[in-house]
């Protein structure tokens, strides 16, 4: 499954995330209990859920009302209190990661070391409820098993009053938290993205895209915001079936005409060890009718420079061609182990199954397993392939 978090039109806040996850199936009663219990250490809150309509969109609104306001608290003391909460360790660990993102942003904005940061709005009891509630719902829905894709965040515009005075929108902490992600101003003169919501988004997203990728929607949840605008003030979270994934790769090529067969074989293995996704070497006729080989390497972008360096050093090539930013479609892959008895001995074989939109397009036994069985049994590889289907 793939989960798409869509804050393109109305931004993101902790309570909007919770509302959308409840819309997707998280238990509201359990969340109310967990959120109120966890926030109590920082100030009492009352959590309520209700279905409302935002400009024609049916959505779930999570309201967190602060009943008690305690003094600000240092980051170290704050984290210690979170660690002592009676929660699943995964929920606590991920929640701490979220608060760490907020604290680091605050420390950069205010020019203070992390141990001198004191939480104000972001450390208040309602923010604790928002973070714990969001992460608890995330794990209850088993979304940690899914890929999370985030779309660009609409951050709004104008100015907003805070404990530090009136500041521009987006708030400086929001800008810090979203470094490495994508945001866009508007579409209204109002704050749409809160530090808490952005930190949760940043922690949960595996990838950020400009647009929704090729997908097969299964279910959609809408979490309502507090404010009313001329457009639906909702956060959309889409749950989709398996999709054809894509990524960006580089294709690296060079011609070889002076390496021996052994040296080419060594180069092949070296490039795979350096992180190449695929290596191929094909015979070619070069200028002046010389026989040579075309080396073609498919490289993830993060490994490109390392692979180019290895090619230069191992081949002495004076020129390497690079075709960057090629989009590659990737079928979803699953691996399954099965046991077969051959000549009275049991062997474990791994099968790789490829899916596109939930439909099986290929299912093959891994070559290395078949090779091992052939070597140990003395049977031809062709016979092993016939026996293992």
Protein backbone atom coordinates (compact mmCIF):
# COMPACT_ATOMS: atom_id res chain seq x y z
CA UNK A 1 0.00 0.00 0.00
CA UNK A 2 1.02 3.60 -0.58
CA UNK A 3 -0.20 6.54 1.52
CA UNK A 4 -0.30 10.03 0.02
CA UNK A 5 -0.45 13.04 2.34
CA UNK A 6 -1.94 15.97 0.41
CA UNK A 7 -1.59 19.42 2.06
CA UNK A 8 -1.53 21.32 -1.26
CA UNK A 9 -4.59 23.51 -0.69
CA UNK A 10 -5.03 23.96 3.05
CA UNK A 11 -1.72 23.18 4.68
CA UNK A 12 -1.22 20.87 7.60
CA UNK A 13 -1.67 20.78 11.38
CA UNK A 14 -1.53 18.03 13.97
CA UNK A 15 -5.28 17.89 14.52
CA UNK A 16 -5.88 17.75 10.76
CA UNK A 17 -3.59 14.71 10.49
CA UNK A 18 -5.45 13.00 13.32
CA UNK A 19 -8.84 13.79 11.78
CA UNK A 20 -7.78 12.35 8.42
CA UNK A 21 -6.42 9.19 10.06
CA UNK A 22 -9.68 8.73 11.97
CA UNK A 23 -11.48 9.13 8.65
CA UNK A 24 -9.27 6.29 7.35
CA UNK A 25 -10.24 4.01 10.21
CA UNK A 26 -8.31 4.88 13.38
CA UNK A 27 -10.43 4.46 16.51
CA UNK A 28 -11.53 7.88 17.82
CA UNK A 29 -12.35 6.63 21.34
CA UNK A 30 -8.90 5.08 21.76
CA UNK A 31 -7.25 8.22 20.44
CA UNK A 32 -9.20 10.46 22.82
CA UNK A 33 -8.04 8.37 25.78
CA UNK A 34 -4.40 8.23 24.67
CA UNK A 35 -4.21 11.93 23.81
CA UNK A 36 -5.80 13.19 27.03
CA UNK A 37 -3.72 10.81 29.17
CA UNK A 38 -0.43 11.72 27.47
CA UNK A 39 -1.02 15.46 27.55
CA UNK A 40 -2.00 15.47 31.22
CA UNK A 41 1.65 15.64 32.30
CA UNK A 42 1.93 18.98 30.46
CA UNK A 43 -1.54 20.36 31.12
CA UNK A 44 -5.07 18.97 30.92
CA UNK A 45 -6.80 18.84 27.54
CA UNK A 46 -10.18 17.71 26.32
CA UNK A 47 -10.31 15.92 22.96
CA UNK A 48 -13.48 15.66 20.89
CA UNK A 49 -14.17 14.31 17.41
CA UNK A 50 -17.05 15.17 15.12
CA UNK A 51 -17.99 14.87 11.47
CA UNK A 52 -18.34 18.24 9.79
CA UNK A 53 -18.61 19.58 6.25
CA UNK A 54 -16.00 22.01 4.94
CA UNK A 55 -17.22 23.69 1.77
CA UNK A 56 -18.98 20.52 0.70
CA UNK A 57 -16.28 18.05 1.82
CA UNK A 58 -17.33 15.60 4.53
CA UNK A 59 -14.45 15.42 7.01
CA UNK A 60 -13.47 14.58 10.59
CA UNK A 61 -12.61 17.42 12.94
CA UNK A 62 -10.38 16.74 15.95
CA UNK A 63 -10.64 19.50 18.53
CA UNK A 64 -8.04 19.67 21.29
CA UNK A 65 -9.06 22.18 23.96
CA UNK A 66 -6.50 23.22 26.54
CA UNK A 67 -8.00 23.21 30.03
CA UNK A 68 -4.75 24.00 31.82
CA UNK A 69 -1.67 26.04 30.81
CA UNK A 70 1.60 25.21 32.56
CA UNK A 71 4.89 27.10 32.40
CA UNK A 72 7.30 26.53 29.53
CA UNK A 73 9.64 23.58 29.92
CA UNK A 74 13.20 22.90 28.81
CA UNK A 75 13.78 20.49 25.96
CA UNK A 76 15.65 17.98 28.14
CA UNK A 77 12.90 17.91 30.79
CA UNK A 78 10.25 17.74 28.10
CA UNK A 79 11.82 14.67 26.44
CA UNK A 80 12.27 12.96 29.79
CA UNK A 81 8.55 13.31 30.48
CA UNK A 82 7.73 11.86 27.05
CA UNK A 83 10.01 8.87 27.72
CA UNK A 84 8.15 8.15 30.95
CA UNK A 85 4.72 8.02 29.30
CA UNK A 86 2.89 4.68 29.36
CA UNK A 87 2.99 4.15 25.60
CA UNK A 88 4.34 1.66 23.10
CA UNK A 89 8.07 2.23 22.58
CA UNK A 90 7.62 2.79 18.84
CA UNK A 91 5.07 5.53 19.49
CA UNK A 92 7.34 7.23 22.02
CA UNK A 93 10.44 6.97 19.83
CA UNK A 94 8.76 8.41 16.75
CA UNK A 95 7.06 11.14 18.79
CA UNK A 96 10.42 12.13 20.27
CA UNK A 97 11.81 12.36 16.73
CA UNK A 98 9.00 14.78 15.87
CA UNK A 99 9.67 16.97 18.90
CA UNK A 100 13.39 16.89 18.15
CA UNK A 101 12.67 18.36 14.70
CA UNK A 102 10.72 21.16 16.35
CA UNK A 103 13.40 21.78 18.98
CA UNK A 104 16.21 21.90 16.40
CA UNK A 105 14.20 24.39 14.35
CA UNK A 106 13.59 26.54 17.43
CA UNK A 107 17.27 26.44 18.37
CA UNK A 108 18.31 27.64 14.91
CA UNK A 109 15.69 30.37 14.76
CA UNK A 110 16.55 31.76 18.20
CA UNK A 111 20.31 31.12 18.03
CA UNK A 112 20.38 28.94 21.14
CA UNK A 113 21.94 25.53 21.84
CA UNK A 114 19.44 22.68 21.94
CA UNK A 115 19.80 22.28 25.70
CA UNK A 116 18.71 25.90 26.19
CA UNK A 117 15.54 25.64 24.12
CA UNK A 118 12.28 26.07 26.00
CA UNK A 119 9.02 25.01 24.39
CA UNK A 120 6.17 27.50 24.33
CA UNK A 121 3.37 26.91 21.83
CA UNK A 122 5.02 23.80 20.35
CA UNK A 123 5.54 22.22 23.76
CA UNK A 124 2.13 22.97 25.17
CA UNK A 125 -0.27 20.20 26.13
CA UNK A 126 -2.33 20.50 22.95
CA UNK A 127 0.79 20.01 20.82
CA UNK A 128 1.68 16.91 22.85
CA UNK A 129 -1.80 15.58 22.22
CA UNK A 130 -1.49 16.32 18.50
CA UNK A 131 1.86 14.57 18.11
CA UNK A 132 1.09 11.55 20.27
CA UNK A 133 -2.34 11.20 18.66
CA UNK A 134 -0.97 11.37 15.12
CA UNK A 135 1.81 8.86 15.75
CA UNK A 136 -0.44 6.51 17.71
CA UNK A 137 -2.98 6.48 14.85
CA UNK A 138 -0.16 5.98 12.33
CA UNK A 139 0.96 2.79 14.05
CA UNK A 140 -2.57 1.57 14.79
CA UNK A 141 -3.31 1.67 11.04
CA UNK A 142 0.00 -0.13 10.36
CA UNK A 143 1.11 2.70 8.10
CA UNK A 144 4.71 2.01 9.08
CA UNK A 145 4.47 -0.94 6.67
CA UNK A 146 3.47 1.38 3.81
CA UNK A 147 5.31 3.92 1.71
CA UNK A 148 4.36 7.49 2.66
CA UNK A 149 4.46 10.10 -0.12
CA UNK A 150 4.04 13.77 0.72
CA UNK A 151 2.87 16.49 -1.67
CA UNK A 152 3.95 20.18 -1.36
CA UNK A 153 2.56 22.06 1.63
CA UNK A 154 0.51 25.24 1.24
CA UNK A 155 1.78 27.45 4.06
CA UNK A 156 -0.56 30.45 3.70
CA UNK A 157 0.62 34.05 4.06
CA UNK A 158 0.38 37.25 6.09
CA UNK A 159 1.40 37.52 9.75
CA UNK A 160 0.57 35.69 12.97
CA UNK A 161 0.89 36.52 16.69
CA UNK A 162 3.09 34.19 18.76
CA UNK A 163 4.86 34.14 22.13
CA UNK A 164 7.74 35.91 20.35
CA UNK A 165 5.56 38.65 18.89
CA UNK A 166 4.06 39.10 15.44
CA UNK A 167 5.97 37.14 12.82
CA UNK A 168 5.53 36.50 9.10
CA UNK A 169 3.82 33.42 7.69
CA UNK A 170 5.19 30.85 7.31
CA UNK A 171 6.68 30.98 10.79
CA UNK A 172 10.48 30.76 10.90
CA UNK A 173 10.26 27.38 12.65
CA UNK A 174 8.09 26.04 9.80
CA UNK A 175 10.67 27.13 7.24
CA UNK A 176 13.44 25.38 9.19
CA UNK A 177 11.44 22.17 9.60
CA UNK A 178 10.57 22.04 5.90
CA UNK A 179 14.14 22.42 4.65
CA UNK A 180 14.58 19.59 2.18
CA UNK A 181 10.83 19.39 1.59
CA UNK A 182 8.54 21.52 -0.60
CA UNK A 183 6.20 24.37 0.31
CA UNK A 184 4.23 27.05 -1.50
CA UNK A 185 2.69 30.31 -0.26
CA UNK A 186 -1.06 30.97 -0.17
CA UNK A 187 -3.73 30.44 -1.23
CA UNK A 188 -5.06 32.62 1.64
CA UNK A 189 -3.80 35.38 3.93
CA UNK A 190 -3.67 33.13 6.98
CA UNK A 191 -1.34 30.62 8.67
CA UNK A 192 -2.01 27.17 7.19
CA UNK A 193 1.01 25.13 8.26
CA UNK A 194 1.94 24.76 11.92
CA UNK A 195 5.35 23.65 13.22
CA UNK A 196 3.73 20.62 14.82
CA UNK A 197 1.95 19.52 11.65
CA UNK A 198 5.06 20.09 9.52
CA UNK A 199 7.29 18.14 11.91
CA UNK A 200 4.90 15.16 11.88
CA UNK A 201 4.76 15.31 8.07
CA UNK A 202 8.56 15.50 7.81
CA UNK A 203 9.00 12.52 10.12
CA UNK A 204 6.47 10.27 8.40
CA UNK A 205 7.13 10.98 4.71
CA UNK A 206 9.44 8.60 2.85
CA UNK A 207 9.38 10.70 -0.30
CA UNK A 208 8.05 14.05 -1.56
CA UNK A 209 6.63 14.49 -5.05
CA UNK A 210 5.23 17.49 -6.94
CA UNK A 211 2.16 15.58 -8.06
CA UNK A 212 0.22 12.45 -7.19
CA UNK A 213 1.99 9.55 -8.94
CA UNK A 214 0.28 6.87 -10.98
CA UNK A 215 -1.93 5.28 -8.36
CA UNK A 216 -5.05 3.24 -7.72
CA UNK A 217 -6.96 4.99 -4.87
CA UNK A 218 -8.63 2.71 -2.36
CA UNK A 219 -9.77 5.03 0.42
CA UNK A 220 -9.55 8.73 1.27
CA UNK A 221 -9.60 10.45 4.65
CA UNK A 222 -10.24 14.16 5.23
CA UNK A 223 -9.10 15.96 8.38
CA UNK A 224 -10.77 19.32 8.93
CA UNK A 225 -8.96 22.48 10.00
CA UNK A 226 -10.41 24.94 12.49
CA UNK A 227 -10.64 27.93 10.16
CA UNK A 228 -13.20 28.50 7.40
CA UNK A 229 -12.20 29.70 3.95
CA UNK A 230 -13.79 29.96 0.51
CA UNK A 231 -12.22 26.58 -0.25
CA UNK A 232 -12.41 23.33 1.78
CA UNK A 233 -10.03 23.68 4.70
CA UNK A 234 -9.13 20.00 4.87
CA UNK A 235 -6.07 17.79 4.78
CA UNK A 236 -6.47 14.84 2.43
CA UNK A 237 -4.78 11.48 2.99
CA UNK A 238 -5.16 8.91 0.21
CA UNK A 239 -4.71 5.19 0.76
CA UNK A 240 -3.86 3.46 -2.52
CA UNK A 241 -3.33 -0.04 -3.79
CA UNK A 242 0.03 -1.07 -5.21
CA UNK A 243 1.30 1.36 -7.81
CA UNK A 244 4.04 1.33 -10.38
CA UNK A 245 6.82 3.17 -8.63
CA UNK A 246 9.41 5.28 -10.39
CA UNK A 247 12.75 6.74 -9.56
CA UNK A 248 15.51 8.76 -11.21
CA UNK A 249 18.60 7.00 -12.46
CA UNK A 250 21.71 7.86 -14.45
CA UNK A 251 23.00 5.78 -17.34
CA UNK A 252 26.81 5.77 -17.53
CA UNK A 253 28.55 4.55 -20.70
CA UNK A 254 32.05 4.24 -22.10
CA UNK A 255 33.76 2.27 -24.88
CA UNK A 256 36.48 -0.24 -23.99
CA UNK A 257 39.05 -1.58 -26.44
CA UNK A 258 42.15 -2.37 -24.42
CA UNK A 259 41.01 -4.50 -21.46
CA UNK A 260 41.43 -8.27 -21.26
CA UNK A 261 38.50 -10.56 -20.58
CA UNK A 262 39.67 -11.05 -16.99
CA UNK A 263 39.93 -7.29 -16.45
CA UNK A 264 36.43 -6.74 -17.85
CA UNK A 265 35.10 -9.48 -15.55
CA UNK A 266 36.76 -7.82 -12.57
CA UNK A 267 35.35 -4.43 -13.58
CA UNK A 268 31.86 -5.94 -13.81
CA UNK A 269 32.06 -7.23 -10.21
CA UNK A 270 33.70 -4.04 -8.92
CA UNK A 271 30.90 -1.82 -10.25
CA UNK A 272 28.21 -4.00 -8.70
CA UNK A 273 30.04 -3.79 -5.37
CA UNK A 274 30.14 0.02 -5.72
CA UNK A 275 26.34 0.20 -5.92
CA UNK A 276 25.42 -0.12 -9.59
CA UNK A 277 21.82 -1.21 -10.13
CA UNK A 278 22.83 -3.05 -13.30
CA UNK A 279 25.95 -3.52 -15.42
CA UNK A 280 26.03 -4.73 -19.01
CA UNK A 281 28.92 -5.19 -21.44
CA UNK A 282 28.21 -5.71 -25.16
CA UNK A 283 30.60 -6.29 -28.07
CA UNK A 284 30.81 -3.41 -30.57
CA UNK A 285 32.81 -2.36 -33.63
CA UNK A 286 34.61 0.91 -32.97
CA UNK A 287 36.31 3.39 -35.29
CA UNK A 288 38.91 1.97 -37.67
CA UNK A 289 36.97 -1.32 -37.40
CA UNK A 290 38.48 -2.15 -34.03
CA UNK A 291 36.63 -4.67 -31.88
CA UNK A 292 35.65 -3.34 -28.48
CA UNK A 293 33.04 -3.44 -25.75
CA UNK A 294 30.33 -1.02 -24.68
CA UNK A 295 30.11 -0.68 -20.91
CA UNK A 296 26.69 0.49 -19.72
CA UNK A 297 25.98 1.09 -16.03
CA UNK A 298 22.59 1.94 -14.48
CA UNK A 299 23.21 3.96 -11.36
CA UNK A 300 21.06 5.39 -8.56
CA UNK A 301 21.87 9.10 -8.40
CA UNK A 302 23.46 8.78 -4.97
CA UNK A 303 26.07 6.29 -6.30
CA UNK A 304 26.89 8.05 -9.57
CA UNK A 305 30.12 9.82 -8.59
CA UNK A 306 31.51 6.74 -6.88
CA UNK A 307 30.84 4.59 -9.96
CA UNK A 308 32.35 7.14 -12.36
CA UNK A 309 35.47 7.28 -10.20
CA UNK A 310 35.75 3.48 -10.26
CA UNK A 311 35.37 3.37 -14.07
CA UNK A 312 38.11 5.98 -14.59
CA UNK A 313 40.51 4.17 -12.25
CA UNK A 314 39.86 0.64 -13.51
CA UNK A 315 39.72 1.37 -17.25
CA UNK A 316 41.90 4.40 -17.79
CA UNK A 317 39.11 5.76 -19.98
CA UNK A 318 39.53 9.33 -21.18
CA UNK A 319 35.80 9.97 -21.56
CA UNK A 320 32.60 8.77 -19.93
CA UNK A 321 29.09 9.58 -21.17
CA UNK A 322 26.35 10.27 -18.64
CA UNK A 323 22.64 10.44 -19.36
CA UNK A 324 21.14 11.91 -16.15
CA UNK A 325 17.67 12.01 -14.66
CA UNK A 326 16.07 9.14 -16.54
CA UNK A 327 12.77 8.11 -14.95
CA UNK A 328 12.47 4.38 -14.51
CA UNK A 329 9.25 2.47 -13.82
CA UNK A 330 9.59 -0.13 -11.10
CA UNK A 331 7.20 -3.00 -10.50
CA UNK A 332 6.49 -3.86 -6.87
CA UNK A 333 8.56 -6.86 -5.81
CA UNK A 334 7.95 -9.49 -3.15
CA UNK A 335 10.14 -12.42 -2.13
CA UNK A 336 8.81 -15.79 -1.00
CA UNK A 337 10.76 -18.83 0.21
CA UNK A 338 9.55 -22.34 -0.69
CA UNK A 339 11.00 -25.77 0.10
CA UNK A 340 11.49 -28.53 -2.50
CA UNK A 341 12.69 -32.13 -2.12
CA UNK A 342 15.15 -33.23 -4.80
CA UNK A 343 16.91 -36.62 -4.68
CA UNK A 344 15.82 -37.07 -1.06
CA UNK A 345 17.21 -33.72 0.14
CA UNK A 346 15.26 -30.57 0.96
CA UNK A 347 16.30 -27.26 -0.60
CA UNK A 348 14.99 -23.74 0.11
CA UNK A 349 14.32 -21.65 -2.99
CA UNK A 350 13.52 -17.93 -3.08
CA UNK A 351 10.93 -16.79 -5.62
CA UNK A 352 10.75 -13.15 -6.76
CA UNK A 353 7.25 -12.01 -7.71
CA UNK A 354 6.57 -8.78 -9.59
CA UNK A 355 3.27 -6.87 -9.32
CA UNK A 356 1.73 -3.97 -11.23
CA UNK A 357 -1.51 -2.59 -9.76
CA UNK A 358 -1.89 -5.77 -7.71
CA UNK A 359 -1.59 -8.09 -10.74
CA UNK A 360 1.24 -10.62 -10.92
CA UNK A 361 3.39 -9.99 -14.01
CA UNK A 362 6.27 -12.37 -13.24
CA UNK A 363 7.29 -15.06 -10.76
CA UNK A 364 10.75 -16.61 -10.99
CA UNK A 365 13.07 -18.64 -8.80
CA UNK A 366 16.33 -16.90 -7.95
CA UNK A 367 19.20 -18.13 -10.12
CA UNK A 368 21.71 -18.47 -7.28
CA UNK A 369 19.41 -20.91 -5.46
CA UNK A 370 18.94 -23.01 -8.61
CA UNK A 371 22.68 -22.98 -9.25
CA UNK A 372 23.40 -24.22 -5.73
CA UNK A 373 20.92 -27.10 -6.08
CA UNK A 374 22.39 -28.10 -9.44
CA UNK A 375 25.91 -28.14 -8.01
CA UNK A 376 24.95 -30.15 -4.92
CA UNK A 377 22.60 -32.60 -6.64
CA UNK A 378 24.64 -33.15 -9.78
CA UNK A 379 21.56 -32.57 -11.93
CA UNK A 380 21.65 -30.22 -14.93
CA UNK A 381 20.45 -26.67 -14.27
CA UNK A 382 17.79 -27.12 -16.95
CA UNK A 383 16.37 -30.12 -15.06
CA UNK A 384 16.34 -28.17 -11.77
CA UNK A 385 14.32 -25.40 -13.44
CA UNK A 386 11.78 -27.99 -14.62
CA UNK A 387 11.43 -29.49 -11.12
CA UNK A 388 11.04 -26.14 -9.37
CA UNK A 389 8.02 -24.24 -10.59
